[in-house]
Amino acid sequence: MIVYEENDCFVMTTQHDHALLSGQFAEALREDYWPDSLYREEVLHAIRYHDCGWIPLDDVPFWNDRREAPYTFLDFPLAPKLTFYKKGLEDVVNKTTYGGFLCSKHYQSFFHNATSMAAKTFYAEEDTRQNKLLENFNISESLLSFHYQLLQFCDDLSLYVCFQEPGVSKSEELSWFKKGFSQSFYFLTTDNAILTHWLSKENIHISYPLFHEKHSFHVKLKRVPKELVAVEGIAKAYQTTPFEIRTFHFSYNE
């Protein structure tokens, strides 16, 4: 679950809805930025469903007593999280081996500097999975790198949208992306990064024309009242709170 806190509510977006937004970005990417159409549908499937393992976990949110807030993807206990990561990866692999390979690399990247035995084991197991999957396709290193970075960029851009209030000022926005996104696409110069900032509640400035300006994107979320959580508990409060839709578009000329 992606969660941030407002004065009177918790703003909550499921991981799968966030991933579906990531898929909207990948699908809307202008044709000029795709270096090749090889495996495109597999890549799109991987981006849309990279967080499908979270679906059962997010159906009934859990409460973090220590933080006095709902658990998020950042602080959810590691052991069950890894179990559902594996289940989600298996689901993607069953649909597309190449997409599963990309998702495996993506999840493995979370644990490059892992210290716990469970995380180290997960990392090693994904190495084994990737080596087996590699036998099923043939692709250049440069195109694979583009696909992998596209998955990570769309994931990050969706977090940028889902993890803060629309219209937030640059000085107050999510610190992870204040200096731009980390992906080094082939169309970027060495010292450039893709930059974003909110121009209004429905308009995000982006430094590269990756999408058509009239293209609208949307994601579901819930604003779960804290008063309701106090009375009903987080699970029931979440389930009874209606969804709302966050709609926005990108522009690259201020």
Protein backbone atom coordinates (compact mmCIF):
# COMPACT_ATOMS: atom_id res chain seq x y z
CA MET A 1 0.00 0.00 0.00
CA ILE A 2 1.14 3.53 -0.78
CA VAL A 3 0.11 5.82 2.07
CA TYR A 4 0.67 9.43 2.99
CA GLU A 5 -0.97 11.39 5.74
CA GLU A 6 -3.14 14.48 5.64
CA ASN A 7 -4.55 16.27 8.69
CA ASP A 8 -7.78 14.29 8.82
CA CYS A 9 -7.14 11.22 6.68
CA PHE A 10 -4.75 8.65 5.29
CA VAL A 11 -4.46 8.84 1.50
CA MET A 12 -4.13 5.23 0.32
CA THR A 13 -3.38 3.75 -3.10
CA THR A 14 -2.98 0.03 -3.64
CA GLN A 15 0.27 -1.19 -5.16
CA HIS A 16 -1.62 -2.75 -8.06
CA ASP A 17 -3.45 0.50 -8.89
CA HIS A 18 -0.11 2.29 -8.77
CA ALA A 19 1.32 -0.37 -11.13
CA LEU A 20 -1.61 0.03 -13.51
CA LEU A 21 -0.78 3.75 -13.64
CA SER A 22 2.82 2.79 -14.43
CA GLY A 23 1.42 0.77 -17.32
CA GLN A 24 -0.56 3.77 -18.56
CA PHE A 25 2.71 5.73 -18.76
CA ALA A 26 4.49 2.98 -20.70
CA GLU A 27 1.58 2.55 -23.11
CA ALA A 28 1.37 6.31 -23.72
CA LEU A 29 5.10 6.76 -24.35
CA ARG A 30 5.54 8.45 -27.72
CA GLU A 31 6.60 6.11 -30.50
CA ASP A 32 9.82 8.07 -31.05
CA TYR A 33 11.19 6.96 -27.71
CA TRP A 34 10.83 3.22 -28.36
CA PRO A 35 14.09 2.07 -30.01
CA ASP A 36 12.46 -1.20 -31.20
CA SER A 37 9.08 -2.93 -31.00
CA LEU A 38 10.58 -6.31 -30.00
CA TYR A 39 8.87 -7.71 -26.86
CA ARG A 40 6.84 -4.52 -26.44
CA GLU A 41 3.65 -6.28 -25.32
CA GLU A 42 5.62 -8.35 -22.82
CA VAL A 43 7.22 -5.19 -21.45
CA LEU A 44 3.84 -3.48 -21.11
CA HIS A 45 2.43 -6.50 -19.28
CA ALA A 46 5.39 -6.54 -16.88
CA ILE A 47 4.98 -2.85 -16.08
CA ARG A 48 1.20 -3.11 -15.55
CA TYR A 49 1.46 -6.17 -13.32
CA HIS A 50 4.82 -5.76 -11.60
CA ASP A 51 3.10 -5.32 -8.22
CA CYS A 52 0.40 -7.98 -8.60
CA GLY A 53 1.83 -9.88 -5.62
CA TRP A 54 0.54 -7.07 -3.40
CA ILE A 55 -3.11 -7.55 -4.38
CA PRO A 56 -4.11 -9.86 -1.49
CA LEU A 57 -2.05 -7.85 1.02
CA ASP A 58 -3.73 -4.58 0.04
CA ASP A 59 -7.26 -5.97 0.02
CA VAL A 60 -7.27 -5.76 3.82
CA PRO A 61 -4.75 -3.15 5.05
CA PHE A 62 -2.72 -3.79 8.21
CA TRP A 63 -2.18 -1.32 11.03
CA ASN A 64 1.35 -0.43 12.23
CA ASP A 65 1.03 0.16 15.99
CA ARG A 66 4.50 1.64 16.26
CA ARG A 67 3.82 4.34 13.65
CA GLU A 68 0.10 4.66 14.43
CA ALA A 69 -0.59 4.48 10.72
CA PRO A 70 -1.35 1.84 8.08
CA TYR A 71 1.56 -0.32 6.96
CA THR A 72 3.05 0.78 3.65
CA PHE A 73 5.28 -0.97 1.13
CA LEU A 74 8.23 0.65 2.92
CA ASP A 75 7.66 -0.77 6.40
CA PHE A 76 5.64 -3.93 5.76
CA PRO A 77 7.30 -6.91 7.52
CA LEU A 78 9.93 -8.50 5.30
CA ALA A 79 9.07 -12.21 5.57
CA PRO A 80 5.46 -12.04 4.31
CA LYS A 81 6.44 -9.34 1.81
CA LEU A 82 9.03 -11.64 0.22
CA THR A 83 6.51 -14.48 0.07
CA PHE A 84 4.07 -12.33 -1.91
CA TYR A 85 6.87 -10.89 -4.06
CA LYS A 86 7.66 -14.45 -5.18
CA LYS A 87 4.00 -15.24 -5.83
CA GLY A 88 3.62 -12.11 -7.93
CA LEU A 89 6.76 -12.88 -9.92
CA GLU A 90 5.53 -16.39 -10.62
CA ASP A 91 2.22 -14.99 -11.88
CA VAL A 92 4.03 -12.67 -14.31
CA VAL A 93 6.41 -15.41 -15.48
CA ASN A 94 3.41 -17.63 -16.24
CA LYS A 95 2.12 -14.93 -18.61
CA THR A 96 5.43 -13.86 -20.15
CA THR A 97 8.92 -15.16 -19.50
CA TYR A 98 10.54 -11.94 -20.69
CA GLY A 99 8.22 -9.79 -18.57
CA GLY A 100 8.92 -12.05 -15.61
CA PHE A 101 12.64 -11.60 -16.17
CA LEU A 102 12.27 -7.81 -16.06
CA CYS A 103 10.14 -7.94 -12.91
CA SER A 104 12.64 -10.28 -11.25
CA LYS A 105 15.47 -7.84 -11.96
CA HIS A 106 13.32 -5.00 -10.64
CA TYR A 107 12.52 -6.71 -7.34
CA GLN A 108 16.05 -8.00 -6.95
CA SER A 109 17.34 -4.43 -7.20
CA PHE A 110 15.61 -3.61 -3.89
CA PHE A 111 18.11 -5.87 -2.10
CA HIS A 112 21.51 -5.05 -3.59
CA ASN A 113 22.83 -4.15 -0.16
CA ALA A 114 20.74 -6.61 1.85
CA THR A 115 21.96 -7.63 5.28
CA SER A 116 19.24 -10.04 6.42
CA MET A 117 19.53 -13.71 5.50
CA ALA A 118 15.98 -13.75 4.09
CA ALA A 119 16.75 -10.88 1.72
CA LYS A 120 20.08 -12.41 0.67
CA THR A 121 18.31 -15.69 -0.06
CA PHE A 122 15.67 -13.90 -2.13
CA TYR A 123 18.42 -12.14 -4.09
CA ALA A 124 20.20 -15.42 -4.85
CA GLU A 125 16.95 -17.16 -5.82
CA GLU A 126 16.14 -14.39 -8.30
CA ASP A 127 19.61 -14.81 -9.83
CA THR A 128 18.74 -18.45 -10.43
CA ARG A 129 15.32 -17.54 -11.85
CA GLN A 130 16.84 -15.00 -14.25
CA ASN A 131 19.49 -17.42 -15.52
CA LYS A 132 16.77 -19.95 -16.35
CA LEU A 133 14.52 -17.39 -18.01
CA LEU A 134 17.38 -16.07 -20.15
CA GLU A 135 17.33 -19.35 -22.06
CA ASN A 136 13.90 -18.45 -23.47
CA PHE A 137 14.66 -15.25 -25.37
CA ASN A 138 17.35 -13.47 -27.33
CA ILE A 139 17.71 -9.71 -27.06
CA SER A 140 20.47 -7.12 -27.26
CA GLU A 141 21.88 -5.73 -24.04
CA SER A 142 20.95 -2.18 -25.06
CA LEU A 143 17.28 -2.99 -25.70
CA LEU A 144 17.02 -5.02 -22.50
CA SER A 145 18.50 -2.06 -20.63
CA PHE A 146 15.90 0.27 -22.14
CA HIS A 147 13.04 -2.05 -21.15
CA TYR A 148 14.35 -2.46 -17.61
CA GLN A 149 14.87 1.27 -17.14
CA LEU A 150 11.42 1.97 -18.59
CA LEU A 151 9.87 -0.32 -15.97
CA GLN A 152 11.80 1.45 -13.20
CA PHE A 153 11.04 4.92 -14.55
CA CYS A 154 7.30 4.27 -14.92
CA ASP A 155 7.29 2.82 -11.41
CA ASP A 156 9.06 5.92 -10.04
CA LEU A 157 6.86 8.35 -11.97
CA SER A 158 3.76 6.63 -10.61
CA LEU A 159 5.17 6.90 -7.07
CA TYR A 160 5.74 10.60 -7.73
CA VAL A 161 2.04 10.96 -8.53
CA CYS A 162 0.64 8.65 -5.84
CA PHE A 163 2.83 9.53 -2.87
CA GLN A 164 2.00 13.23 -2.49
CA GLU A 165 -0.77 15.73 -2.96
CA PRO A 166 -1.26 17.09 -6.49
CA GLY A 167 -0.05 20.65 -6.87
CA VAL A 168 2.60 20.37 -4.15
CA SER A 169 5.38 22.95 -4.45
CA LYS A 170 8.83 21.81 -5.59
CA SER A 171 10.32 22.66 -2.20
CA GLU A 172 7.80 20.39 -0.44
CA GLU A 173 7.56 17.52 -2.90
CA LEU A 174 8.78 13.98 -2.33
CA SER A 175 12.52 14.18 -1.73
CA TRP A 176 13.32 11.09 -3.82
CA PHE A 177 12.67 12.89 -7.09
CA LYS A 178 13.45 16.55 -6.37
CA LYS A 179 16.60 16.35 -8.49
CA GLY A 180 15.00 14.25 -11.19
CA PHE A 181 14.73 10.57 -11.99
CA SER A 182 17.74 8.27 -11.85
CA GLN A 183 17.20 6.38 -15.11
CA SER A 184 19.80 7.05 -17.84
CA PHE A 185 17.90 6.50 -21.07
CA TYR A 186 19.72 6.46 -24.39
CA PHE A 187 18.07 9.76 -25.42
CA LEU A 188 19.42 11.65 -22.41
CA THR A 189 22.80 13.35 -22.35
CA THR A 190 25.18 12.21 -19.63
CA ASP A 191 24.49 15.03 -17.20
CA ASN A 192 20.75 15.29 -17.82
CA ALA A 193 17.86 13.75 -15.90
CA ILE A 194 14.13 13.77 -16.50
CA LEU A 195 12.72 16.47 -14.23
CA THR A 196 9.15 17.05 -13.06
CA HIS A 197 7.20 19.49 -10.94
CA TRP A 198 3.52 20.16 -10.35
CA LEU A 199 2.14 23.21 -12.16
CA SER A 200 -1.37 22.70 -10.76
CA LYS A 201 -3.47 19.92 -9.27
CA GLU A 202 -3.98 18.41 -12.73
CA ASN A 203 -0.82 19.38 -14.60
CA ILE A 204 2.75 18.13 -14.17
CA HIS A 205 5.61 19.76 -16.03
CA ILE A 206 8.05 17.21 -17.47
CA SER A 207 11.38 18.12 -19.06
CA TYR A 208 11.03 15.73 -22.03
CA PRO A 209 7.95 15.40 -24.27
CA LEU A 210 7.47 11.73 -23.44
CA PHE A 211 3.66 11.92 -23.70
CA HIS A 212 1.14 13.86 -25.75
CA GLU A 213 0.06 16.87 -23.70
CA LYS A 214 -3.66 16.19 -24.16
CA HIS A 215 -3.35 12.62 -22.88
CA SER A 216 -5.01 12.22 -19.46
CA PHE A 217 -3.91 9.69 -16.86
CA HIS A 218 -5.83 8.50 -13.84
CA VAL A 219 -5.37 6.43 -10.69
CA LYS A 220 -7.73 5.24 -7.95
CA LEU A 221 -7.16 6.16 -4.31
CA LYS A 222 -9.02 6.42 -1.02
CA ARG A 223 -8.98 9.18 1.58
CA VAL A 224 -9.66 7.16 4.71
CA PRO A 225 -10.86 9.42 7.57
CA LYS A 226 -8.83 9.10 10.76
CA GLU A 227 -12.00 9.37 12.83
CA LEU A 228 -13.42 6.34 11.02
CA VAL A 229 -10.19 4.39 11.58
CA ALA A 230 -10.38 5.16 15.31
CA VAL A 231 -13.92 3.79 15.49
CA GLU A 232 -13.88 0.91 13.00
CA GLY A 233 -10.21 -0.06 12.66
CA ILE A 234 -8.15 0.33 9.50
CA ALA A 235 -9.50 -2.72 7.63
CA LYS A 236 -13.18 -1.84 7.86
CA ALA A 237 -12.54 1.91 7.52
CA TYR A 238 -10.65 1.29 4.28
CA GLN A 239 -13.26 -1.07 2.89
CA THR A 240 -16.15 1.33 3.54
CA THR A 241 -14.39 4.43 2.19
CA PRO A 242 -15.26 5.04 -1.49
CA PHE A 243 -12.63 5.33 -4.20
CA GLU A 244 -11.88 8.63 -5.85
CA ILE A 245 -9.98 9.22 -9.09
CA ARG A 246 -6.89 11.39 -9.43
CA THR A 247 -6.71 12.69 -13.01
CA PHE A 248 -3.79 14.64 -14.49
CA HIS A 249 -1.72 15.25 -17.61
CA PHE A 250 1.83 16.29 -18.47
CA SER A 251 3.12 19.38 -20.25
CA TYR A 252 6.66 20.26 -21.24
CA ASN A 253 6.31 23.94 -22.17
CA GLU A 254 5.74 26.22 -19.18
